[in-house]
Protein backbone atom coordinates (compact mmCIF):
# COMPACT_ATOMS: atom_id res chain seq x y z
CA LEU A 1 -57.73 43.84 40.95
CA PRO A 2 -59.47 40.61 42.12
CA SER A 3 -59.00 39.98 45.79
CA PHE A 4 -57.49 36.30 46.94
CA GLY A 5 -58.15 35.92 50.58
CA ALA A 6 -57.54 33.02 52.34
CA PRO A 7 -60.69 30.89 53.49
CA PRO A 8 -62.11 31.25 56.71
CA MET A 9 -60.86 28.79 58.73
CA ALA A 10 -61.62 26.97 62.58
CA VAL A 11 -58.77 25.68 65.25
CA LEU A 12 -58.72 22.52 66.09
CA GLU A 13 -56.38 21.49 69.23
CA VAL A 14 -55.25 17.97 69.03
CA ARG A 15 -53.74 16.59 72.63
CA CYS A 16 -53.31 12.63 73.17
CA HIS A 17 -51.89 10.89 76.19
CA ARG A 18 -52.10 7.67 78.07
CA GLN A 19 -54.80 6.21 79.14
CA ASP A 20 -53.99 5.10 82.87
CA LYS A 21 -51.86 8.33 83.00
CA THR A 22 -54.00 11.69 82.16
CA ASP A 23 -50.35 14.03 82.60
CA VAL A 24 -48.23 11.26 80.51
CA ASP A 25 -48.32 13.26 76.61
CA LEU A 26 -48.63 10.88 73.47
CA PRO A 27 -47.72 11.63 69.65
CA CYS A 28 -50.58 11.34 68.04
CA ARG A 29 -52.24 10.71 64.59
CA ALA A 30 -56.04 12.68 64.29
CA SER A 31 -58.13 11.64 61.08
CA LEU A 32 -61.06 13.88 60.01
CA GLN A 33 -63.94 11.95 58.21
CA PRO A 34 -66.62 14.62 57.15
CA GLY A 35 -69.31 14.37 59.45
CA PRO A 36 -70.49 13.10 62.41
CA GLU A 37 -70.42 9.11 63.52
CA ALA A 38 -68.87 8.55 59.97
CA ALA A 39 -68.25 4.96 59.23
CA LEU A 40 -64.44 3.80 60.60
CA ALA A 41 -64.42 3.06 56.48
CA ALA A 42 -65.30 6.45 55.25
CA PRO A 43 -62.86 8.77 53.36
CA VAL A 44 -60.49 10.69 55.52
CA HIS A 45 -60.29 14.56 55.01
CA ARG A 46 -57.52 15.52 56.49
CA GLU A 47 -55.00 13.68 59.17
CA LEU A 48 -53.14 15.62 61.57
CA TYR A 49 -49.81 14.44 63.51
CA ALA A 50 -49.20 15.78 66.30
CA GLY A 51 -45.78 15.59 69.10
CA PRO A 52 -46.68 15.56 72.69
CA GLY A 53 -48.75 17.73 74.56
CA ARG A 54 -51.35 20.55 72.70
CA HIS A 55 -51.25 21.05 69.07
CA ARG A 56 -52.78 23.47 67.09
CA PHE A 57 -54.00 23.28 63.01
CA ALA A 58 -55.99 25.15 60.90
CA VAL A 59 -58.96 23.48 59.70
CA THR A 60 -61.92 23.67 57.17
CA PRO A 61 -65.15 24.32 58.83
CA GLY A 62 -67.80 21.96 59.34
CA PRO A 63 -68.27 18.68 61.25
CA TYR A 64 -65.84 15.84 61.65
CA THR A 65 -65.59 12.68 63.38
CA VAL A 66 -62.57 12.92 64.64
CA THR A 67 -60.92 9.17 65.38
CA LEU A 68 -57.40 9.83 67.44
CA SER A 69 -54.69 6.63 67.31
CA ARG A 70 -50.78 5.46 68.00
CA GLY A 71 -50.12 2.80 64.68
CA PHE A 72 -50.66 -0.70 65.90
CA GLU A 73 -50.39 -1.40 69.72
CA TYR A 74 -53.50 1.00 70.87
CA GLU A 75 -56.73 1.40 71.17
CA ILE A 76 -58.13 4.19 69.55
CA VAL A 77 -60.66 7.25 70.22
CA ARG A 78 -63.28 8.43 68.15
CA SER A 79 -65.77 11.54 68.71
CA ASP A 80 -67.96 14.31 66.69
CA VAL A 81 -66.67 17.71 66.93
CA SER A 82 -68.24 20.82 64.96
CA LEU A 83 -65.74 23.49 64.15
CA ASN A 84 -67.53 26.68 63.02
CA ALA A 85 -65.70 29.41 60.58
CA GLY A 86 -63.04 31.43 63.31
CA GLY A 87 -63.88 28.83 66.36
CA ALA A 88 -61.99 27.20 68.38
CA GLU A 89 -62.29 23.45 69.74
CA THR A 90 -60.57 20.42 72.03
CA VAL A 91 -59.90 16.90 71.14
CA SER A 92 -58.33 15.33 73.80
CA GLY A 93 -58.34 11.17 74.17
CA GLY A 94 -56.80 8.32 76.44
CA LEU A 95 -55.21 5.94 74.16
CA GLU A 96 -54.80 2.10 75.97
CA ARG A 97 -51.11 0.56 75.22
CA SER A 98 -53.09 -3.06 74.59
CA VAL A 99 -50.87 -4.87 72.69
CA ASP A 100 -48.06 -6.14 75.06
CA SER A 101 -44.81 -5.54 72.81
CA LYS A 102 -42.06 -6.08 75.45
CA GLY A 103 -38.97 -7.35 73.72
CA TRP A 104 -40.50 -6.54 70.43
CA VAL A 105 -39.23 -2.71 68.68
CA ALA A 106 -41.35 -1.05 65.82
CA THR A 107 -39.10 0.18 62.80
CA THR A 108 -39.28 1.10 59.52
CA VAL A 109 -36.51 0.62 56.84
CA HIS A 110 -37.99 2.66 54.06
CA VAL A 111 -39.09 5.78 54.79
CA HIS A 112 -38.34 9.75 52.98
CA SER A 113 -38.82 13.52 53.91
CA GLU A 114 -37.95 16.92 52.30
CA LEU A 115 -34.63 15.34 52.67
CA SER A 116 -34.73 13.25 49.57
CA ILE A 117 -34.87 14.70 45.99
CA ASP A 118 -37.96 13.39 45.18
CA SER A 119 -40.33 14.27 47.99
CA THR A 120 -41.96 17.20 49.79
CA CYS A 121 -42.43 16.18 53.48
CA PRO A 122 -41.37 18.60 55.45
CA ILE A 123 -38.86 17.31 58.49
CA ASP A 124 -41.01 18.23 61.52
CA LEU A 125 -43.73 16.38 59.61
CA ARG A 126 -42.08 13.00 59.22
CA MET A 127 -40.86 12.86 63.06
CA TYR A 128 -44.54 14.10 63.81
CA SER A 129 -46.24 11.35 61.96
CA LEU A 130 -42.98 8.52 62.71
CA ALA A 131 -43.89 9.32 66.27
CA ALA A 132 -47.72 9.12 65.56
CA ALA A 133 -47.45 5.95 63.99
CA GLY A 134 -45.79 3.72 66.68
CA MET A 135 -42.21 3.85 65.20
CA GLU A 136 -39.38 3.31 68.09
CA TYR A 137 -36.68 2.70 65.88
CA VAL A 138 -36.01 4.28 62.67
CA PHE A 139 -34.01 3.49 59.39
CA PRO A 140 -34.01 7.15 57.52
CA THR A 141 -32.98 5.78 53.75
CA GLU A 142 -32.98 9.57 51.91
CA HIS A 143 -32.27 9.39 48.03
CA ASP A 144 -28.29 9.05 48.18
CA VAL A 145 -27.36 11.06 51.21
CA PHE A 146 -26.25 8.86 54.48
CA THR A 147 -28.92 10.85 57.15
CA ASP A 148 -29.69 10.32 60.56
CA TYR A 149 -32.87 12.05 62.17
CA ALA A 150 -31.67 12.33 65.89
CA PRO A 151 -30.88 15.60 65.68
CA TYR A 152 -34.73 16.30 64.37
CA ILE A 153 -36.16 13.72 66.75
CA ASP A 154 -34.22 16.68 69.44
CA GLU A 155 -35.28 19.37 68.41
CA PHE A 156 -39.10 18.38 68.27
CA GLY A 157 -38.94 16.86 71.49
CA LEU A 158 -39.81 12.81 70.16
CA GLY A 159 -36.55 11.66 71.92
CA ALA A 160 -38.36 9.44 75.07
CA TRP A 161 -40.63 7.90 72.03
CA LEU A 162 -38.48 7.48 68.73
CA LYS A 163 -34.72 6.93 68.25
CA SER A 164 -32.48 6.80 64.49
CA ASP A 165 -30.13 5.07 63.24
CA VAL A 166 -28.28 5.71 59.78
CA GLY A 167 -29.36 4.60 56.99
CA ALA A 168 -29.43 5.80 53.32
CA GLU A 169 -31.40 4.63 49.48
CA ILE A 170 -28.36 4.45 46.78
CA SER A 171 -30.33 4.76 43.95
CA PRO A 172 -28.97 3.67 40.50
CA ILE A 173 -30.62 3.33 37.55
CA LYS A 174 -30.93 -0.13 37.46
CA GLY A 175 -31.79 -0.56 40.85
CA HIS A 176 -32.45 1.28 44.36
CA PHE A 177 -31.02 -0.74 47.40
CA ASN A 178 -30.98 0.44 51.43
CA CYS A 179 -28.06 0.46 53.41
CA LEU A 180 -29.42 -0.04 57.06
CA GLY A 181 -27.17 0.93 60.00
CA CYS A 182 -23.83 2.61 58.03
CA ARG A 183 -21.24 5.01 59.19
CA LEU A 184 -22.89 8.96 58.69
CA ASP A 185 -20.98 10.41 55.76
CA PRO A 186 -21.99 13.64 55.42
CA ARG A 187 -21.71 14.00 51.16
CA GLU A 188 -24.33 13.72 49.00
CA PHE A 189 -24.05 10.96 47.03
CA ALA A 190 -20.88 9.27 48.76
CA VAL A 191 -21.53 6.10 47.02
CA PRO A 192 -20.75 6.09 43.37
CA TRP A 193 -23.51 4.98 40.87
CA VAL A 194 -20.79 5.04 37.87
CA GLU A 195 -16.69 4.72 37.09
CA VAL A 196 -15.27 7.81 35.68
CA ASP A 197 -11.71 8.20 34.32
CA GLU A 198 -9.36 11.02 35.64
CA HIS A 199 -10.79 13.60 33.56
CA GLY A 200 -14.26 12.95 36.08
CA ASP A 201 -15.77 11.64 32.34
CA PHE A 202 -18.08 8.74 32.39
CA VAL A 203 -16.49 5.11 31.46
CA ARG A 204 -19.40 2.79 32.85
CA ALA A 205 -22.24 2.16 34.95
CA LEU A 206 -21.32 -0.11 38.22
CA GLU A 207 -23.01 -3.13 38.77
CA ALA A 208 -25.08 -3.99 41.77
CA PRO A 209 -22.04 -6.41 44.00
CA GLU A 210 -19.64 -3.33 43.32
CA ILE A 211 -21.82 -1.15 44.95
CA TRP A 212 -23.12 -3.34 47.81
CA LYS A 213 -19.08 -4.34 48.47
CA ASN A 214 -17.78 -0.37 48.65
CA LEU A 215 -21.55 -0.30 51.49
CA ARG A 216 -20.11 -2.14 53.10
CA GLU A 217 -16.17 -1.92 52.94
CA ASN A 218 -16.40 1.66 53.26
CA PHE A 219 -19.03 2.90 54.84
CA ASP A 220 -19.61 -0.30 57.51
CA ALA A 221 -23.52 -1.18 56.18
CA LYS A 222 -24.72 -3.60 58.77
CA VAL A 223 -27.75 -4.45 56.31
CA ILE A 224 -28.49 -4.01 52.78
CA GLN A 225 -31.99 -4.36 50.88
CA ILE A 226 -33.10 -5.01 47.56
CA ASN A 227 -35.88 -2.19 46.72
CA HIS A 228 -39.00 -2.64 44.98
CA PRO A 229 -37.20 -5.77 43.25
CA PHE A 230 -39.86 -6.00 40.27
CA THR A 231 -40.80 -2.35 40.51
CA THR A 232 -39.72 0.76 40.13
CA GLN A 233 -36.35 0.77 38.20
CA ALA A 234 -36.42 -2.91 39.25
CA PHE A 235 -33.56 -4.73 39.45
CA MET A 236 -34.76 -8.19 38.93
CA TYR A 237 -35.31 -7.34 35.94
CA SER A 238 -32.26 -4.98 34.71
CA ILE A 239 -30.72 -8.50 35.98
CA GLY A 240 -32.42 -10.53 32.97
CA PHE A 241 -34.14 -12.63 35.89
CA ASP A 242 -36.21 -16.12 34.82
CA GLU A 243 -37.09 -18.11 37.40
CA GLU A 244 -35.86 -21.41 35.39
CA LYS A 245 -33.01 -20.34 35.85
CA THR A 246 -30.83 -20.98 39.25
CA ILE A 247 -29.34 -18.44 41.71
CA GLU A 248 -25.59 -19.79 40.40
CA SER A 249 -26.16 -19.95 36.90
CA MET A 250 -26.58 -16.14 37.40
CA THR A 251 -24.96 -15.17 39.81
CA GLY A 252 -21.35 -13.31 38.12
CA GLU A 253 -21.16 -9.54 37.77
CA ARG A 254 -24.35 -8.18 37.72
CA PHE A 255 -25.68 -10.12 40.58
CA ASN A 256 -24.77 -12.35 43.80
CA THR A 257 -26.12 -13.24 47.51
CA GLU A 258 -24.38 -10.86 49.48
CA PHE A 259 -27.37 -8.09 50.75
CA ASP A 260 -29.50 -9.34 53.53
CA THR A 261 -32.87 -8.15 52.93
CA PHE A 262 -35.60 -8.52 50.43
CA GLU A 263 -38.46 -5.84 49.96
CA ILE A 264 -41.55 -8.45 49.27
CA TYR A 265 -44.05 -5.57 50.18
CA ASN A 266 -43.98 -1.94 48.87
CA SER A 267 -46.95 -0.10 49.51
CA HIS A 268 -46.92 1.16 45.98
CA ASP A 269 -46.99 -2.21 44.98
CA ASP A 270 -50.86 -3.83 44.14
CA ARG A 271 -52.02 -7.52 44.41
CA ASP A 272 -50.90 -8.41 41.22
CA GLU A 273 -47.18 -7.34 41.44
CA LEU A 274 -47.43 -8.73 44.78
CA TYR A 275 -48.72 -12.20 44.53
CA TYR A 276 -47.38 -12.64 40.36
CA GLU A 277 -43.91 -11.14 40.76
CA ILE A 278 -42.54 -9.86 43.89
CA LEU A 279 -43.58 -13.01 46.34
CA PRO A 280 -41.96 -15.94 43.39
CA GLY A 281 -39.39 -13.40 43.10
CA TRP A 282 -38.54 -14.45 47.04
CA TYR A 283 -39.55 -17.98 46.61
CA TRP A 284 -36.98 -18.66 43.68
CA MET A 285 -34.62 -17.59 46.82
CA LEU A 286 -35.77 -19.06 49.29
CA ASN A 287 -36.58 -22.64 47.17
CA GLN A 288 -33.11 -22.81 46.84
CA GLY A 289 -31.75 -22.11 49.91
CA VAL A 290 -30.71 -18.77 49.85
CA ARG A 291 -32.36 -17.11 52.51
CA LYS A 292 -32.79 -13.86 52.35
CA THR A 293 -35.39 -11.67 54.83
CA GLY A 294 -38.33 -10.86 53.04
CA VAL A 295 -39.38 -6.84 54.34
CA GLY A 296 -42.66 -4.76 54.21
CA ALA A 297 -41.96 -0.65 53.54
CA GLU A 298 -44.54 1.92 52.98
CA ASP A 299 -41.55 4.12 51.18
CA THR A 300 -43.38 7.55 52.05
CA HIS A 301 -42.78 9.95 50.93
């Protein structure tokens, strides 16, 4: 019988700390690019996410340029390393915080992990990646399940850098909506998409305003967000959006303005979608005096 042994690997140990205090560890990301002195724009072979302290990763042997980073507020540190099969090397660096963000909070309002039906990202990787990206206060938006990342943040020792509130992404067929700052409810699909009769048989799909009202009244939603409004189960098209119409003429059972934020950029959007659909749809509201906050989000799975 053929042998299916694993290829020989090397070990890379990663540690980041504050530039001014070498004894204060930081969560960080290590980006590996093949070859020494790789250009910043060169392809990345692998991204490694390290929590505080020293983290060890199995890596394909070879020469790499390693970039240590922590979001947009810190300078990067780059170094070359050569990894030999069966060997181990260490990369470490002091990251300088060069952006004064006092009075501001780095947050994400659209993020997924293995707790969502369509994601395979392990929960530990999600926590480390959020901390390594410099996030400070996050809203989990797992599909149709209210989640607070706080227990996971504590489990992985990230409480000094990362806090969580309760959120969910409600995901009916005709559009997806985030609920942020909600009451935690342990049930899956606690927010119904459909109406059923006394026998549990389907009667009709609920419209967005009905779902939003339920989120406010029964789940204490502080923020309701329309996600990817013109793509991926595009809500705006599902209601027959027409930029020649007024908001008043479109308000009714299927649409009203009882939401708070409008996702004007999702990392899955391309440039044409942004310029020719999403932004004009947002301006359509703004120009009629409906001031809904535009939000950019990664929607990472």
